[in-house]
Amino acid sequence: MNLHRWKDVDYRGQIVRVDYAAPDYEGNPWMKYANVYLPYGYDPNKAYDILYLIHGGGGNSDAWLDCSQIKNAFDQAFQAGTARPFIAVFPCFYSWIPSEHRSEGIDAAKEDSQVRAFQKEFAECLIPAVEGRFHTYAEDLSLKSLQASRRHRAFGGFSMGGSTTWYAFLNHLDIIGTFLPLSGDCWAVQPLGGKLNSEETAGLLAEAVRKLGFTSRDFRLLIGTGDQDIAYGNLSPQVEAMAAYPGIFDLQEDMRGGNMHYVIKEGAPHAYEEVYHHIWNYLPYIFD
């Protein structure tokens, strides 16, 4: 695995806050924000690929930037030319403020309801707020344009953000070309469904591909976790079950082949500072 090592750079991207309105947990409008990374030299007249990257349980829009060196990884890769500069978006899937609910602990059913509900917000609120302001490959915000630019749009996340990513696969495969579920399995069948109901989960994901008339040539899954990660035992059975659909999920180690890749970081626990190395490892392939 290619690990990121911090290095100062001459050209740094900037973080811009984007505020937007979305429904809260009671359906009332409230203001949320996403942090948006713009690569150095961002040119509003140029089209950019875009990656949406979601936090884990209890986190928020600041979590990835506060808890890992992901920004430095982007800056390094773009300066070195190992990846084409893109826009990265760090939103929050909650419809409430997580810090106000921590005394209750993290309840699986509540978390699951939040990541399910976020799918509508993503399409109807977040994409317009971000891609309506910054120049991506979408010519406009119509569904037709988003579908036409899907190869230039990626979605990933850590832990519950990984589960959010699998929901995005089920709901938005028509507008997203690459998915990066990190240390999180698919909960669409049931919580921890990747472990407890791996075959049905894999079948559900395969059916989402078939419904669109897609094959393994039409999308990419870049999956990662650690062998000491609490998600390892949940995610691995799901990946194994998905590999039973080779025309849809072509699992290969060689990044030059297949459309599904699964990297396990040795000795890595469940933490942002561990899983962001997977993004660094995958950077040259997200939008290739």
Protein backbone atom coordinates (compact mmCIF):
# COMPACT_ATOMS: atom_id res chain seq x y z
CA MET A 1 0.00 0.00 0.00
CA ASN A 2 1.24 3.47 -0.91
CA LEU A 3 1.26 5.50 2.33
CA HIS A 4 1.13 9.27 2.56
CA ARG A 5 4.03 11.07 4.27
CA TRP A 6 3.53 14.70 5.20
CA LYS A 7 5.54 17.11 3.09
CA ASP A 8 5.35 20.86 2.81
CA VAL A 9 4.34 22.11 -0.61
CA ASP A 10 4.77 25.32 -2.55
CA TYR A 11 1.22 25.48 -3.83
CA ARG A 12 -1.66 24.95 -1.43
CA GLY A 13 -5.34 24.60 -2.16
CA GLN A 14 -7.85 26.63 -0.16
CA ILE A 15 -10.85 25.69 1.96
CA VAL A 16 -14.07 27.57 1.26
CA ARG A 17 -17.23 27.27 3.34
CA VAL A 18 -20.49 26.81 1.44
CA ASP A 19 -23.72 27.42 3.36
CA TYR A 20 -26.94 25.88 2.12
CA ALA A 21 -30.47 25.20 3.31
CA ALA A 22 -31.66 21.64 4.00
CA PRO A 23 -34.44 20.03 6.08
CA ASP A 24 -33.69 19.27 9.73
CA TYR A 25 -34.82 16.07 11.47
CA GLU A 26 -38.34 17.47 11.84
CA GLY A 27 -38.54 18.56 8.21
CA ASN A 28 -38.04 22.25 8.94
CA PRO A 29 -35.49 24.25 6.92
CA TRP A 30 -32.19 25.03 8.57
CA MET A 31 -28.79 26.19 7.41
CA LYS A 32 -25.94 23.73 7.05
CA TYR A 33 -22.45 24.08 5.62
CA ALA A 34 -19.91 22.05 3.71
CA ASN A 35 -16.19 22.65 3.52
CA VAL A 36 -15.01 22.77 -0.08
CA TYR A 37 -11.38 22.22 -1.06
CA LEU A 38 -10.38 24.13 -4.18
CA PRO A 39 -7.05 23.09 -5.72
CA TYR A 40 -4.31 25.70 -6.06
CA GLY A 41 -4.95 27.90 -9.06
CA TYR A 42 -8.63 27.02 -9.27
CA ASP A 43 -9.92 28.52 -12.51
CA PRO A 44 -13.69 29.18 -12.68
CA ASN A 45 -13.49 28.89 -16.45
CA LYS A 46 -12.16 25.34 -16.29
CA ALA A 47 -14.16 22.17 -15.55
CA TYR A 48 -13.08 20.09 -12.52
CA ASP A 49 -13.76 16.60 -11.26
CA ILE A 50 -15.45 16.56 -7.86
CA LEU A 51 -15.22 14.24 -4.83
CA TYR A 52 -17.78 14.29 -2.01
CA LEU A 53 -16.23 12.92 1.18
CA ILE A 54 -18.38 12.11 4.22
CA HIS A 55 -17.41 11.90 7.92
CA GLY A 56 -18.05 9.04 10.36
CA GLY A 57 -20.50 8.71 13.25
CA GLY A 58 -20.50 11.70 15.61
CA GLY A 59 -18.51 13.79 13.13
CA ASN A 60 -19.29 16.84 11.07
CA SER A 61 -18.10 18.80 8.05
CA ASP A 62 -14.78 19.56 9.78
CA ALA A 63 -13.90 16.00 10.80
CA TRP A 64 -11.77 14.92 7.83
CA LEU A 65 -9.79 18.16 7.86
CA ASP A 66 -9.34 18.18 11.64
CA CYS A 67 -8.47 14.51 12.08
CA SER A 68 -6.25 13.70 9.10
CA GLN A 69 -3.74 15.15 6.65
CA ILE A 70 -6.11 14.80 3.72
CA LYS A 71 -5.61 18.38 2.54
CA ASN A 72 -1.85 17.98 2.50
CA ALA A 73 -2.30 14.72 0.58
CA PHE A 74 -4.34 16.53 -2.08
CA ASP A 75 -1.83 19.40 -2.26
CA GLN A 76 1.11 17.01 -2.63
CA ALA A 77 -0.50 14.86 -5.29
CA PHE A 78 -1.65 17.80 -7.37
CA GLN A 79 1.71 19.57 -7.16
CA ALA A 80 3.56 16.37 -8.09
CA GLY A 81 1.17 15.64 -10.92
CA THR A 82 0.31 12.14 -9.68
CA ALA A 83 -3.40 13.06 -9.81
CA ARG A 84 -5.37 15.62 -11.79
CA PRO A 85 -6.53 18.50 -9.54
CA PHE A 86 -10.14 18.18 -8.43
CA ILE A 87 -12.61 19.79 -6.05
CA ALA A 88 -13.32 17.98 -2.76
CA VAL A 89 -16.44 18.56 -0.68
CA PHE A 90 -16.74 17.74 3.03
CA PRO A 91 -20.42 17.85 4.10
CA CYS A 92 -22.30 16.61 7.19
CA PHE A 93 -24.96 13.91 6.89
CA TYR A 94 -26.72 14.82 10.15
CA SER A 95 -29.98 16.77 10.26
CA TRP A 96 -29.07 17.92 13.76
CA ILE A 97 -25.89 19.11 15.48
CA PRO A 98 -24.01 15.94 16.56
CA SER A 99 -22.36 17.55 19.59
CA GLU A 100 -25.79 18.23 21.09
CA HIS A 101 -26.67 14.52 21.04
CA ARG A 102 -23.45 12.84 22.18
CA SER A 103 -24.78 12.22 25.69
CA GLU A 104 -27.24 9.80 24.09
CA GLY A 105 -24.46 7.82 22.44
CA ILE A 106 -24.48 6.65 18.84
CA ASP A 107 -27.63 4.66 18.16
CA ALA A 108 -27.43 2.41 15.08
CA ALA A 109 -31.04 2.96 14.02
CA LYS A 110 -30.75 6.74 14.35
CA GLU A 111 -27.47 6.80 12.45
CA ASP A 112 -28.97 4.67 9.70
CA SER A 113 -32.00 6.95 9.41
CA GLN A 114 -29.67 9.93 9.01
CA VAL A 115 -27.54 8.48 6.22
CA ARG A 116 -30.67 7.31 4.39
CA ALA A 117 -32.25 10.76 4.64
CA PHE A 118 -29.02 12.42 3.51
CA GLN A 119 -29.41 10.88 0.04
CA LYS A 120 -32.26 13.28 -0.81
CA GLU A 121 -30.38 16.23 0.65
CA PHE A 122 -27.29 15.32 -1.35
CA ALA A 123 -29.13 15.40 -4.67
CA GLU A 124 -31.57 18.24 -4.02
CA CYS A 125 -29.61 20.60 -1.75
CA LEU A 126 -25.88 19.91 -1.63
CA ILE A 127 -25.12 19.34 -5.32
CA PRO A 128 -26.93 22.53 -6.38
CA ALA A 129 -25.18 24.54 -3.65
CA VAL A 130 -21.71 23.33 -4.64
CA GLU A 131 -21.88 22.60 -8.35
CA GLY A 132 -24.04 25.64 -8.89
CA ARG A 133 -21.19 27.75 -7.52
CA PHE A 134 -18.03 25.98 -8.68
CA HIS A 135 -17.27 24.78 -12.19
CA THR A 136 -17.52 21.00 -12.59
CA TYR A 137 -18.14 18.93 -15.72
CA ALA A 138 -21.91 19.30 -15.31
CA GLU A 139 -23.10 21.85 -17.86
CA ASP A 140 -26.04 22.70 -15.62
CA LEU A 141 -27.90 21.23 -12.65
CA SER A 142 -30.40 19.17 -14.63
CA LEU A 143 -30.53 15.42 -14.07
CA LYS A 144 -29.51 14.88 -17.69
CA SER A 145 -26.38 16.97 -17.21
CA LEU A 146 -25.49 15.30 -13.91
CA GLN A 147 -25.87 11.89 -15.55
CA ALA A 148 -23.71 12.93 -18.50
CA SER A 149 -20.94 14.06 -16.11
CA ARG A 150 -21.11 11.05 -13.74
CA ARG A 151 -17.59 9.85 -14.59
CA HIS A 152 -16.30 13.13 -13.18
CA ARG A 153 -18.12 12.78 -9.85
CA ALA A 154 -17.04 10.56 -6.92
CA PHE A 155 -18.44 9.86 -3.47
CA GLY A 156 -16.67 8.40 -0.44
CA GLY A 157 -16.77 8.25 3.31
CA PHE A 158 -15.38 6.79 6.52
CA SER A 159 -17.26 4.48 8.93
CA MET A 160 -20.91 5.65 8.84
CA GLY A 161 -19.71 7.73 5.91
CA GLY A 162 -18.80 4.39 4.33
CA SER A 163 -22.36 3.22 4.89
CA THR A 164 -23.53 6.53 3.41
CA THR A 165 -21.40 5.74 0.37
CA TRP A 166 -23.13 2.40 -0.16
CA TYR A 167 -26.49 4.18 0.04
CA ALA A 168 -25.21 6.64 -2.56
CA PHE A 169 -24.34 3.65 -4.74
CA LEU A 170 -27.92 2.39 -4.43
CA ASN A 171 -29.53 5.78 -4.97
CA HIS A 172 -27.20 7.79 -7.19
CA LEU A 173 -25.22 5.41 -9.36
CA ASP A 174 -26.73 7.21 -12.35
CA ILE A 175 -24.88 10.44 -11.45
CA ILE A 176 -21.74 9.09 -9.70
CA GLY A 177 -18.99 7.10 -11.38
CA THR A 178 -16.60 6.23 -8.53
CA PHE A 179 -17.25 5.23 -4.93
CA LEU A 180 -14.79 5.05 -2.01
CA PRO A 181 -16.43 3.26 0.96
CA LEU A 182 -13.82 3.22 3.74
CA SER A 183 -14.22 1.10 6.89
CA GLY A 184 -17.98 0.92 6.50
CA ASP A 185 -20.27 -1.79 5.15
CA CYS A 186 -23.71 -1.46 3.52
CA TRP A 187 -26.63 -1.22 5.97
CA ALA A 188 -29.42 -1.22 3.39
CA VAL A 189 -30.64 -4.72 4.35
CA GLN A 190 -29.95 -4.26 8.07
CA PRO A 191 -27.35 -2.58 10.31
CA LEU A 192 -24.01 -4.36 9.86
CA GLY A 193 -25.56 -6.07 6.86
CA GLY A 194 -22.17 -6.58 5.23
CA LYS A 195 -21.41 -9.16 7.92
CA LEU A 196 -24.84 -10.37 9.04
CA ASN A 197 -26.47 -10.62 5.63
CA SER A 198 -23.63 -10.36 3.13
CA GLU A 199 -25.20 -12.35 0.27
CA GLU A 200 -28.49 -10.42 0.28
CA THR A 201 -26.55 -7.17 0.57
CA ALA A 202 -24.38 -8.07 -2.41
CA GLY A 203 -27.47 -9.05 -4.39
CA LEU A 204 -29.13 -5.72 -3.63
CA LEU A 205 -26.06 -3.81 -4.82
CA ALA A 206 -25.85 -5.93 -7.97
CA GLU A 207 -29.51 -5.28 -8.72
CA ALA A 208 -28.93 -1.52 -8.53
CA VAL A 209 -26.39 -1.92 -11.33
CA ARG A 210 -28.66 -4.13 -13.44
CA LYS A 211 -31.58 -1.69 -13.15
CA LEU A 212 -29.52 0.95 -14.92
CA GLY A 213 -28.31 -1.47 -17.56
CA PHE A 214 -24.75 -1.00 -16.32
CA THR A 215 -21.90 -3.51 -16.21
CA SER A 216 -18.50 -3.53 -14.52
CA ARG A 217 -17.28 -1.06 -17.16
CA ASP A 218 -19.60 1.69 -15.94
CA PHE A 219 -18.38 2.40 -12.41
CA ARG A 220 -15.53 1.86 -9.97
CA LEU A 221 -15.42 0.82 -6.31
CA LEU A 222 -12.26 1.74 -4.36
CA ILE A 223 -12.69 0.11 -0.95
CA GLY A 224 -10.37 0.18 2.07
CA THR A 225 -10.02 -0.64 5.76
CA GLY A 226 -7.43 -1.90 8.24
CA ASP A 227 -6.87 -5.38 9.60
CA GLN A 228 -7.25 -3.99 13.15
CA ASP A 229 -10.28 -1.89 12.21
CA ILE A 230 -13.62 -2.71 13.86
CA ALA A 231 -15.18 -2.56 10.38
CA TYR A 232 -12.85 -5.20 8.91
CA GLY A 233 -15.04 -8.13 9.93
CA ASN A 234 -18.14 -6.42 8.55
CA LEU A 235 -16.77 -5.19 5.24
CA SER A 236 -14.72 -8.22 4.14
CA PRO A 237 -17.65 -10.70 3.93
CA GLN A 238 -19.59 -8.17 1.86
CA VAL A 239 -16.72 -7.70 -0.59
CA GLU A 240 -16.33 -11.47 -0.88
CA ALA A 241 -20.07 -11.87 -1.59
CA MET A 242 -19.97 -9.08 -4.18
CA ALA A 243 -17.12 -10.83 -6.00
CA ALA A 244 -19.61 -13.62 -6.81
CA TYR A 245 -21.02 -11.21 -9.46
CA PRO A 246 -17.96 -10.89 -11.75
CA GLY A 247 -19.84 -9.24 -14.62
CA ILE A 248 -20.81 -6.48 -12.21
CA PHE A 249 -18.14 -6.43 -9.49
CA ASP A 250 -14.78 -7.42 -10.99
CA LEU A 251 -12.50 -7.65 -7.95
CA GLN A 252 -8.79 -7.34 -8.80
CA GLU A 253 -5.63 -6.31 -6.99
CA ASP A 254 -4.10 -4.76 -10.10
CA MET A 255 -5.42 -1.22 -10.38
CA ARG A 256 -5.09 -1.43 -14.17
CA GLY A 257 -7.84 -4.04 -14.31
CA GLY A 258 -11.26 -4.68 -12.81
CA ASN A 259 -13.66 -2.17 -11.32
CA MET A 260 -13.55 -3.19 -7.64
CA HIS A 261 -10.44 -2.95 -5.49
CA TYR A 262 -10.09 -3.74 -1.80
CA VAL A 263 -7.00 -2.61 0.11
CA ILE A 264 -6.38 -3.67 3.73
CA LYS A 265 -3.90 -1.56 5.69
CA GLU A 266 -1.80 -3.70 8.02
CA GLY A 267 -2.04 -2.83 11.71
CA ALA A 268 -4.54 0.00 11.10
CA PRO A 269 -7.38 0.68 13.59
CA HIS A 270 -10.62 2.59 12.99
CA ALA A 271 -9.43 6.19 12.61
CA TYR A 272 -9.36 9.03 10.09
CA GLU A 273 -5.58 9.25 10.28
CA GLU A 274 -5.44 5.64 9.10
CA VAL A 275 -8.13 5.52 6.42
CA TYR A 276 -7.08 8.71 4.64
CA HIS A 277 -4.05 6.74 3.41
CA HIS A 278 -6.48 4.75 1.27
CA ILE A 279 -7.55 7.94 -0.47
CA TRP A 280 -3.91 8.85 -1.03
CA ASN A 281 -3.33 5.37 -2.43
CA TYR A 282 -6.33 5.66 -4.76
CA LEU A 283 -5.84 9.30 -5.86
CA PRO A 284 -4.39 8.49 -9.31
CA TYR A 285 -7.34 6.23 -10.11
CA ILE A 286 -10.44 8.06 -8.87
CA PHE A 287 -10.97 9.98 -12.09
CA ASP A 288 -8.63 8.26 -14.54
